[in-house]
Amino acid sequence: MLLKSVGMARYINANMEMKIPEVFINRIQKAPDRVRECVQIAAELVSAFKEKGFRGVNLSTIGWEDKLPSILAAAGF
């Protein structure tokens, strides 16, 4: 799932079984361009899965479909 804000990450941590690492929350919080940082985090995660040999990922962009090309480009696709 593409994180869209610190608030979203904190909501997930408080209300869902999945947990967003604090390092990601802190990066978003401190970033001068929070949207860009969210896209960068997603790209890093996709890239990490690719490096581990996964053959694909399923990204839920939740209204940020226009960010998908940037995520994929930054991840090396």
PDB file of N, CA and C in Angstrom:
ATOM      1  N   MET A   1       0.849  -1.166   0.000  1.00  0.00           N
ATOM      2  CA  MET A   1       0.000   0.000   0.000  1.00  0.00           C
ATOM      3  C   MET A   1       0.896   1.231   0.000  1.00  0.00           C
ATOM      4  N   LEU A   2       0.577   2.157  -0.849  1.00  0.00           N
ATOM      5  CA  LEU A   2       1.345   3.392  -0.930  1.00  0.00           C
ATOM      6  C   LEU A   2       0.954   4.302   0.231  1.00  0.00           C
ATOM      7  N   LEU A   3       1.920   4.611   1.078  1.00  0.00           N
ATOM      8  CA  LEU A   3       1.665   5.553   2.174  1.00  0.00           C
ATOM      9  C   LEU A   3       1.461   6.938   1.596  1.00  0.00           C
ATOM     10  N   LYS A   4       0.497   7.661   2.136  1.00  0.00           N
ATOM     11  CA  LYS A   4       0.207   9.000   1.628  1.00  0.00           C
ATOM     12  C   LYS A   4       0.521  10.094   2.648  1.00  0.00           C
ATOM     13  N   SER A   5       0.743   9.700   3.896  1.00  0.00           N
ATOM     14  CA  SER A   5       1.019  10.703   4.919  1.00  0.00           C
ATOM     15  C   SER A   5       1.469  10.019   6.206  1.00  0.00           C
ATOM     16  N   VAL A   6       1.990  10.831   7.119  1.00  0.00           N
ATOM     17  CA  VAL A   6       2.339  10.354   8.449  1.00  0.00           C
ATOM     18  C   VAL A   6       1.078   9.886   9.168  1.00  0.00           C
ATOM     19  N   GLY A   7       0.003  10.651   9.010  1.00  0.00           N
ATOM     20  CA  GLY A   7      -1.261  10.287   9.650  1.00  0.00           C
ATOM     21  C   GLY A   7      -1.754   8.925   9.207  1.00  0.00           C
ATOM     22  N   MET A   8      -1.638   8.651   7.929  1.00  0.00           N
ATOM     23  CA  MET A   8      -2.053   7.351   7.406  1.00  0.00           C
ATOM     24  C   MET A   8      -1.205   6.240   8.022  1.00  0.00           C
ATOM     25  N   ALA A   9       0.103   6.442   8.090  1.00  0.00           N
ATOM     26  CA  ALA A   9       0.997   5.440   8.672  1.00  0.00           C
ATOM     27  C   ALA A   9       0.665   5.194  10.136  1.00  0.00           C
ATOM     28  N   ARG A  10       0.419   6.248  10.864  1.00  0.00           N
ATOM     29  CA  ARG A  10       0.073   6.100  12.287  1.00  0.00           C
ATOM     30  C   ARG A  10      -1.281   5.408  12.456  1.00  0.00           C
ATOM     31  N   TYR A  11      -2.231   5.717  11.594  1.00  0.00           N
ATOM     32  CA  TYR A  11      -3.530   5.058  11.641  1.00  0.00           C
ATOM     33  C   TYR A  11      -3.370   3.552  11.405  1.00  0.00           C
ATOM     34  N   ILE A  12      -2.572   3.193  10.412  1.00  0.00           N
ATOM     35  CA  ILE A  12      -2.328   1.774  10.128  1.00  0.00           C
ATOM     36  C   ILE A  12      -1.727   1.098  11.350  1.00  0.00           C
ATOM     37  N   ASN A  13      -0.725   1.734  11.963  1.00  0.00           N
ATOM     38  CA  ASN A  13      -0.087   1.148  13.136  1.00  0.00           C
ATOM     39  C   ASN A  13      -1.052   0.977  14.302  1.00  0.00           C
ATOM     40  N   ALA A  14      -1.978   1.891  14.450  1.00  0.00           N
ATOM     41  CA  ALA A  14      -2.906   1.843  15.580  1.00  0.00           C
ATOM     42  C   ALA A  14      -4.086   0.906  15.346  1.00  0.00           C
ATOM     43  N   ASN A  15      -4.465   0.692  14.087  1.00  0.00           N
ATOM     44  CA  ASN A  15      -5.725   0.005  13.823  1.00  0.00           C
ATOM     45  C   ASN A  15      -5.648  -1.246  12.960  1.00  0.00           C
ATOM     46  N   MET A  16      -4.483  -1.585  12.479  1.00  0.00           N
ATOM     47  CA  MET A  16      -4.366  -2.753  11.606  1.00  0.00           C
ATOM     48  C   MET A  16      -3.282  -3.680  12.146  1.00  0.00           C
ATOM     49  N   GLU A  17      -3.309  -4.909  11.648  1.00  0.00           N
ATOM     50  CA  GLU A  17      -2.313  -5.883  12.104  1.00  0.00           C
ATOM     51  C   GLU A  17      -0.935  -5.638  11.508  1.00  0.00           C
ATOM     52  N   MET A  18      -0.862  -4.963  10.358  1.00  0.00           N
ATOM     53  CA  MET A  18       0.433  -4.632   9.766  1.00  0.00           C
ATOM     54  C   MET A  18       1.020  -3.419  10.496  1.00  0.00           C
ATOM     55  N   LYS A  19       2.306  -3.294  10.474  1.00  0.00           N
ATOM     56  CA  LYS A  19       2.981  -2.177  11.130  1.00  0.00           C
ATOM     57  C   LYS A  19       3.912  -1.471  10.150  1.00  0.00           C
ATOM     58  N   ILE A  20       3.871  -0.150  10.174  1.00  0.00           N
ATOM     59  CA  ILE A  20       4.764   0.681   9.375  1.00  0.00           C
ATOM     60  C   ILE A  20       5.962   1.022  10.259  1.00  0.00           C
ATOM     61  N   PRO A  21       7.176   0.706   9.813  1.00  0.00           N
ATOM     62  CA  PRO A  21       8.351   1.012  10.635  1.00  0.00           C
ATOM     63  C   PRO A  21       8.470   2.519  10.921  1.00  0.00           C
ATOM     64  N   GLU A  22       8.872   2.838  12.124  1.00  0.00           N
ATOM     65  CA  GLU A  22       9.040   4.239  12.523  1.00  0.00           C
ATOM     66  C   GLU A  22      10.032   4.967  11.628  1.00  0.00           C
ATOM     67  N   VAL A  23      11.013   4.243  11.092  1.00  0.00           N
ATOM     68  CA  VAL A  23      11.988   4.890  10.214  1.00  0.00           C
ATOM     69  C   VAL A  23      11.289   5.493   8.999  1.00  0.00           C
ATOM     70  N   PHE A  24      10.282   4.820   8.458  1.00  0.00           N
ATOM     71  CA  PHE A  24       9.526   5.367   7.327  1.00  0.00           C
ATOM     72  C   PHE A  24       8.692   6.565   7.763  1.00  0.00           C
ATOM     73  N   ILE A  25       8.063   6.449   8.913  1.00  0.00           N
ATOM     74  CA  ILE A  25       7.253   7.562   9.428  1.00  0.00           C
ATOM     75  C   ILE A  25       8.125   8.790   9.630  1.00  0.00           C
ATOM     76  N   ASN A  26       9.298   8.598  10.231  1.00  0.00           N
ATOM     77  CA  ASN A  26      10.213   9.720  10.471  1.00  0.00           C
ATOM     78  C   ASN A  26      10.703  10.333   9.166  1.00  0.00           C
ATOM     79  N   ARG A  27      10.986   9.495   8.174  1.00  0.00           N
ATOM     80  CA  ARG A  27      11.433  10.023   6.872  1.00  0.00           C
ATOM     81  C   ARG A  27      10.358  10.907   6.247  1.00  0.00           C
ATOM     82  N   ILE A  28       9.125  10.440   6.278  1.00  0.00           N
ATOM     83  CA  ILE A  28       8.032  11.234   5.711  1.00  0.00           C
ATOM     84  C   ILE A  28       7.869  12.529   6.491  1.00  0.00           C
ATOM     85  N   GLN A  29       7.898  12.439   7.795  1.00  0.00           N
ATOM     86  CA  GLN A  29       7.693  13.600   8.661  1.00  0.00           C
ATOM     87  C   GLN A  29       8.753  14.671   8.442  1.00  0.00           C
ATOM     88  N   LYS A  30       9.995  14.266   8.220  1.00  0.00           N
ATOM     89  CA  LYS A  30      11.104  15.207   8.084  1.00  0.00           C
ATOM     90  C   LYS A  30      11.328  15.694   6.653  1.00  0.00           C
ATOM     91  N   ALA A  31      10.698  15.056   5.694  1.00  0.00           N
ATOM     92  CA  ALA A  31      10.950  15.374   4.282  1.00  0.00           C
ATOM     93  C   ALA A  31      10.376  16.730   3.898  1.00  0.00           C
ATOM     94  N   PRO A  32      11.129  17.509   3.138  1.00  0.00           N
ATOM     95  CA  PRO A  32      10.601  18.783   2.652  1.00  0.00           C
ATOM     96  C   PRO A  32       9.452  18.585   1.647  1.00  0.00           C
ATOM     97  N   ASP A  33       9.503  17.478   0.910  1.00  0.00           N
ATOM     98  CA  ASP A  33       8.440  17.130  -0.034  1.00  0.00           C
ATOM     99  C   ASP A  33       7.917  15.755   0.385  1.00  0.00           C
ATOM    100  N   ARG A  34       6.869  15.745   1.180  1.00  0.00           N
ATOM    101  CA  ARG A  34       6.369  14.496   1.759  1.00  0.00           C
ATOM    102  C   ARG A  34       5.800  13.553   0.718  1.00  0.00           C
ATOM    103  N   VAL A  35       5.164  14.089  -0.302  1.00  0.00           N
ATOM    104  CA  VAL A  35       4.633  13.231  -1.367  1.00  0.00           C
ATOM    105  C   VAL A  35       5.783  12.515  -2.070  1.00  0.00           C
ATOM    106  N   ARG A  36       6.815  13.249  -2.405  1.00  0.00           N
ATOM    107  CA  ARG A  36       7.988  12.650  -3.059  1.00  0.00           C
ATOM    108  C   ARG A  36       8.618  11.580  -2.175  1.00  0.00           C
ATOM    109  N   GLU A  37       8.664  11.830  -0.879  1.00  0.00           N
ATOM    110  CA  GLU A  37       9.251  10.851   0.048  1.00  0.00           C
ATOM    111  C   GLU A  37       8.409   9.580   0.100  1.00  0.00           C
ATOM    112  N   CYS A  38       7.095   9.718   0.077  1.00  0.00           N
ATOM    113  CA  CYS A  38       6.211   8.548   0.048  1.00  0.00           C
ATOM    114  C   CYS A  38       6.453   7.732  -1.211  1.00  0.00           C
ATOM    115  N   VAL A  39       6.605   8.405  -2.330  1.00  0.00           N
ATOM    116  CA  VAL A  39       6.889   7.731  -3.599  1.00  0.00           C
ATOM    117  C   VAL A  39       8.256   7.053  -3.525  1.00  0.00           C
ATOM    118  N   GLN A  40       9.245   7.709  -2.951  1.00  0.00           N
ATOM    119  CA  GLN A  40      10.588   7.145  -2.843  1.00  0.00           C
ATOM    120  C   GLN A  40      10.593   5.897  -1.964  1.00  0.00           C
ATOM    121  N   ILE A  41       9.881   5.932  -0.861  1.00  0.00           N
ATOM    122  CA  ILE A  41       9.801   4.761   0.021  1.00  0.00           C
ATOM    123  C   ILE A  41       9.175   3.590  -0.727  1.00  0.00           C
ATOM    124  N   ALA A  42       8.094   3.849  -1.448  1.00  0.00           N
ATOM    125  CA  ALA A  42       7.449   2.791  -2.227  1.00  0.00           C
ATOM    126  C   ALA A  42       8.416   2.214  -3.256  1.00  0.00           C
ATOM    127  N   ALA A  43       9.156   3.090  -3.936  1.00  0.00           N
ATOM    128  CA  ALA A  43      10.120   2.635  -4.941  1.00  0.00           C
ATOM    129  C   ALA A  43      11.212   1.777  -4.305  1.00  0.00           C
ATOM    130  N   GLU A  44      11.683   2.169  -3.148  1.00  0.00           N
ATOM    131  CA  GLU A  44      12.719   1.389  -2.457  1.00  0.00           C
ATOM    132  C   GLU A  44      12.200   0.006  -2.083  1.00  0.00           C
ATOM    133  N   LEU A  45      10.964  -0.062  -1.632  1.00  0.00           N
ATOM    134  CA  LEU A  45      10.387  -1.352  -1.264  1.00  0.00           C
ATOM    135  C   LEU A  45      10.209  -2.247  -2.492  1.00  0.00           C
ATOM    136  N   VAL A  46       9.713  -1.682  -3.579  1.00  0.00           N
ATOM    137  CA  VAL A  46       9.552  -2.451  -4.816  1.00  0.00           C
ATOM    138  C   VAL A  46      10.918  -2.947  -5.293  1.00  0.00           C
ATOM    139  N   SER A  47      11.907  -2.083  -5.248  1.00  0.00           N
ATOM    140  CA  SER A  47      13.255  -2.453  -5.661  1.00  0.00           C
ATOM    141  C   SER A  47      13.818  -3.573  -4.780  1.00  0.00           C
ATOM    142  N   ALA A  48      13.580  -3.502  -3.490  1.00  0.00           N
ATOM    143  CA  ALA A  48      14.062  -4.539  -2.569  1.00  0.00           C
ATOM    144  C   ALA A  48      13.420  -5.887  -2.875  1.00  0.00           C
ATOM    145  N   PHE A  49      12.124  -5.880  -3.183  1.00  0.00           N
ATOM    146  CA  PHE A  49      11.462  -7.135  -3.559  1.00  0.00           C
ATOM    147  C   PHE A  49      12.046  -7.683  -4.855  1.00  0.00           C
ATOM    148  N   LYS A  50      12.321  -6.791  -5.797  1.00  0.00           N
ATOM    149  CA  LYS A  50      12.909  -7.199  -7.073  1.00  0.00           C
ATOM    150  C   LYS A  50      14.276  -7.842  -6.842  1.00  0.00           C
ATOM    151  N   GLU A  51      15.096  -7.218  -6.011  1.00  0.00           N
ATOM    152  CA  GLU A  51      16.441  -7.742  -5.719  1.00  0.00           C
ATOM    153  C   GLU A  51      16.382  -9.096  -5.023  1.00  0.00           C
ATOM    154  N   LYS A  52      15.336  -9.334  -4.259  1.00  0.00           N
ATOM    155  CA  LYS A  52      15.181 -10.614  -3.555  1.00  0.00           C
ATOM    156  C   LYS A  52      14.648 -11.706  -4.469  1.00  0.00           C
ATOM    157  N   GLY A  53      14.324 -11.344  -5.712  1.00  0.00           N
ATOM    158  CA  GLY A  53      13.895 -12.347  -6.674  1.00  0.00           C
ATOM    159  C   GLY A  53      12.390 -12.487  -6.839  1.00  0.00           C
ATOM    160  N   PHE A  54      11.624 -11.637  -6.192  1.00  0.00           N
ATOM    161  CA  PHE A  54      10.179 -11.682  -6.384  1.00  0.00           C
ATOM    162  C   PHE A  54       9.862 -11.291  -7.820  1.00  0.00           C
ATOM    163  N   ARG A  55       8.854 -11.905  -8.388  1.00  0.00           N
ATOM    164  CA  ARG A  55       8.536 -11.673  -9.794  1.00  0.00           C
ATOM    165  C   ARG A  55       7.503 -10.579  -9.983  1.00  0.00           C
ATOM    166  N   GLY A  56       7.008 -10.001  -8.908  1.00  0.00           N
ATOM    167  CA  GLY A  56       6.035  -8.923  -9.029  1.00  0.00           C
ATOM    168  C   GLY A  56       5.566  -8.437  -7.665  1.00  0.00           C
ATOM    169  N   VAL A  57       4.889  -7.333  -7.685  1.00  0.00           N
ATOM    170  CA  VAL A  57       4.291  -6.767  -6.475  1.00  0.00           C
ATOM    171  C   VAL A  57       2.895  -6.264  -6.833  1.00  0.00           C
ATOM    172  N   ASN A  58       2.084  -6.100  -5.832  1.00  0.00           N
ATOM    173  CA  ASN A  58       0.752  -5.538  -6.008  1.00  0.00           C
ATOM    174  C   ASN A  58       0.713  -4.240  -5.211  1.00  0.00           C
ATOM    175  N   LEU A  59       0.666  -3.131  -5.902  1.00  0.00           N
ATOM    176  CA  LEU A  59       0.646  -1.827  -5.247  1.00  0.00           C
ATOM    177  C   LEU A  59      -0.768  -1.273  -5.214  1.00  0.00           C
ATOM    178  N   SER A  60      -1.214  -0.907  -4.032  1.00  0.00           N
ATOM    179  CA  SER A  60      -2.495  -0.224  -3.887  1.00  0.00           C
ATOM    180  C   SER A  60      -2.180   1.264  -3.768  1.00  0.00           C
ATOM    181  N   THR A  61      -2.523   2.024  -4.792  1.00  0.00           N
ATOM    182  CA  THR A  61      -2.139   3.431  -4.837  1.00  0.00           C
ATOM    183  C   THR A  61      -3.165   4.354  -4.185  1.00  0.00           C
ATOM    184  N   ILE A  62      -4.350   3.881  -3.934  1.00  0.00           N
ATOM    185  CA  ILE A  62      -5.389   4.606  -3.210  1.00  0.00           C
ATOM    186  C   ILE A  62      -5.543   6.049  -3.704  1.00  0.00           C
ATOM    187  N   GLY A  63      -5.818   6.187  -4.978  1.00  0.00           N
ATOM    188  CA  GLY A  63      -6.044   7.514  -5.542  1.00  0.00           C
ATOM    189  C   GLY A  63      -4.806   8.207  -6.088  1.00  0.00           C
ATOM    190  N   TRP A  64      -3.663   7.603  -5.908  1.00  0.00           N
ATOM    191  CA  TRP A  64      -2.416   8.180  -6.416  1.00  0.00           C
ATOM    192  C   TRP A  64      -1.909   7.370  -7.605  1.00  0.00           C
ATOM    193  N   GLU A  65      -2.823   6.970  -8.471  1.00  0.00           N
ATOM    194  CA  GLU A  65      -2.431   6.190  -9.639  1.00  0.00           C
ATOM    195  C   GLU A  65      -1.408   6.925 -10.491  1.00  0.00           C
ATOM    196  N   ASP A  66      -1.463   8.247 -10.488  1.00  0.00           N
ATOM    197  CA  ASP A  66      -0.514   9.040 -11.275  1.00  0.00           C
ATOM    198  C   ASP A  66       0.915   8.927 -10.747  1.00  0.00           C
ATOM    199  N   LYS A  67       1.091   8.428  -9.545  1.00  0.00           N
ATOM    200  CA  LYS A  67       2.436   8.262  -8.962  1.00  0.00           C
ATOM    201  C   LYS A  67       3.073   6.942  -9.381  1.00  0.00           C
ATOM    202  N   LEU A  68       2.286   6.011  -9.894  1.00  0.00           N
ATOM    203  CA  LEU A  68       2.793   4.687 -10.223  1.00  0.00           C
ATOM    204  C   LEU A  68       3.962   4.715 -11.208  1.00  0.00           C
ATOM    205  N   PRO A  69       3.911   5.486 -12.301  1.00  0.00           N
ATOM    206  CA  PRO A  69       5.083   5.518 -13.201  1.00  0.00           C
ATOM    207  C   PRO A  69       6.362   5.975 -12.497  1.00  0.00           C
ATOM    208  N   SER A  70       6.257   6.937 -11.590  1.00  0.00           N
ATOM    209  CA  SER A  70       7.443   7.407 -10.857  1.00  0.00           C
ATOM    210  C   SER A  70       7.990   6.331  -9.946  1.00  0.00           C
ATOM    211  N   ILE A  71       7.102   5.602  -9.302  1.00  0.00           N
ATOM    212  CA  ILE A  71       7.535   4.514  -8.408  1.00  0.00           C
ATOM    213  C   ILE A  71       8.263   3.457  -9.213  1.00  0.00           C
ATOM    214  N   LEU A  72       7.679   3.032 -10.302  1.00  0.00           N
ATOM    215  CA  LEU A  72       8.279   1.981 -11.118  1.00  0.00           C
ATOM    216  C   LEU A  72       9.599   2.433 -11.740  1.00  0.00           C
ATOM    217  N   ALA A  73       9.662   3.670 -12.198  1.00  0.00           N
ATOM    218  CA  ALA A  73      10.917   4.184 -12.781  1.00  0.00           C
ATOM    219  C   ALA A  73      12.025   4.226 -11.733  1.00  0.00           C
ATOM    220  N   ALA A  74      11.695   4.708 -10.542  1.00  0.00           N
ATOM    221  CA  ALA A  74      12.692   4.789  -9.474  1.00  0.00           C
ATOM    222  C   ALA A  74      13.131   3.399  -9.001  1.00  0.00           C
ATOM    223  N   ALA A  75      12.254   2.396  -9.186  1.00  0.00           N
ATOM    224  CA  ALA A  75      12.578   1.030  -8.785  1.00  0.00           C
ATOM    225  C   ALA A  75      13.318   0.265  -9.877  1.00  0.00           C
ATOM    226  N   GLY A  76      13.518   0.919 -11.031  1.00  0.00           N
ATOM    227  CA  GLY A  76      14.285   0.300 -12.095  1.00  0.00           C
ATOM    228  C   GLY A  76      13.480  -0.493 -13.102  1.00  0.00           C
ATOM    229  N   PHE A  77      12.216  -0.179 -13.234  1.00  0.00           N
ATOM    230  CA  PHE A  77      11.379  -0.868 -14.230  1.00  0.00           C
ATOM    231  C   PHE A  77      11.150   0.027 -15.421  1.00  0.00           C
TER     232      PHE A  77
END
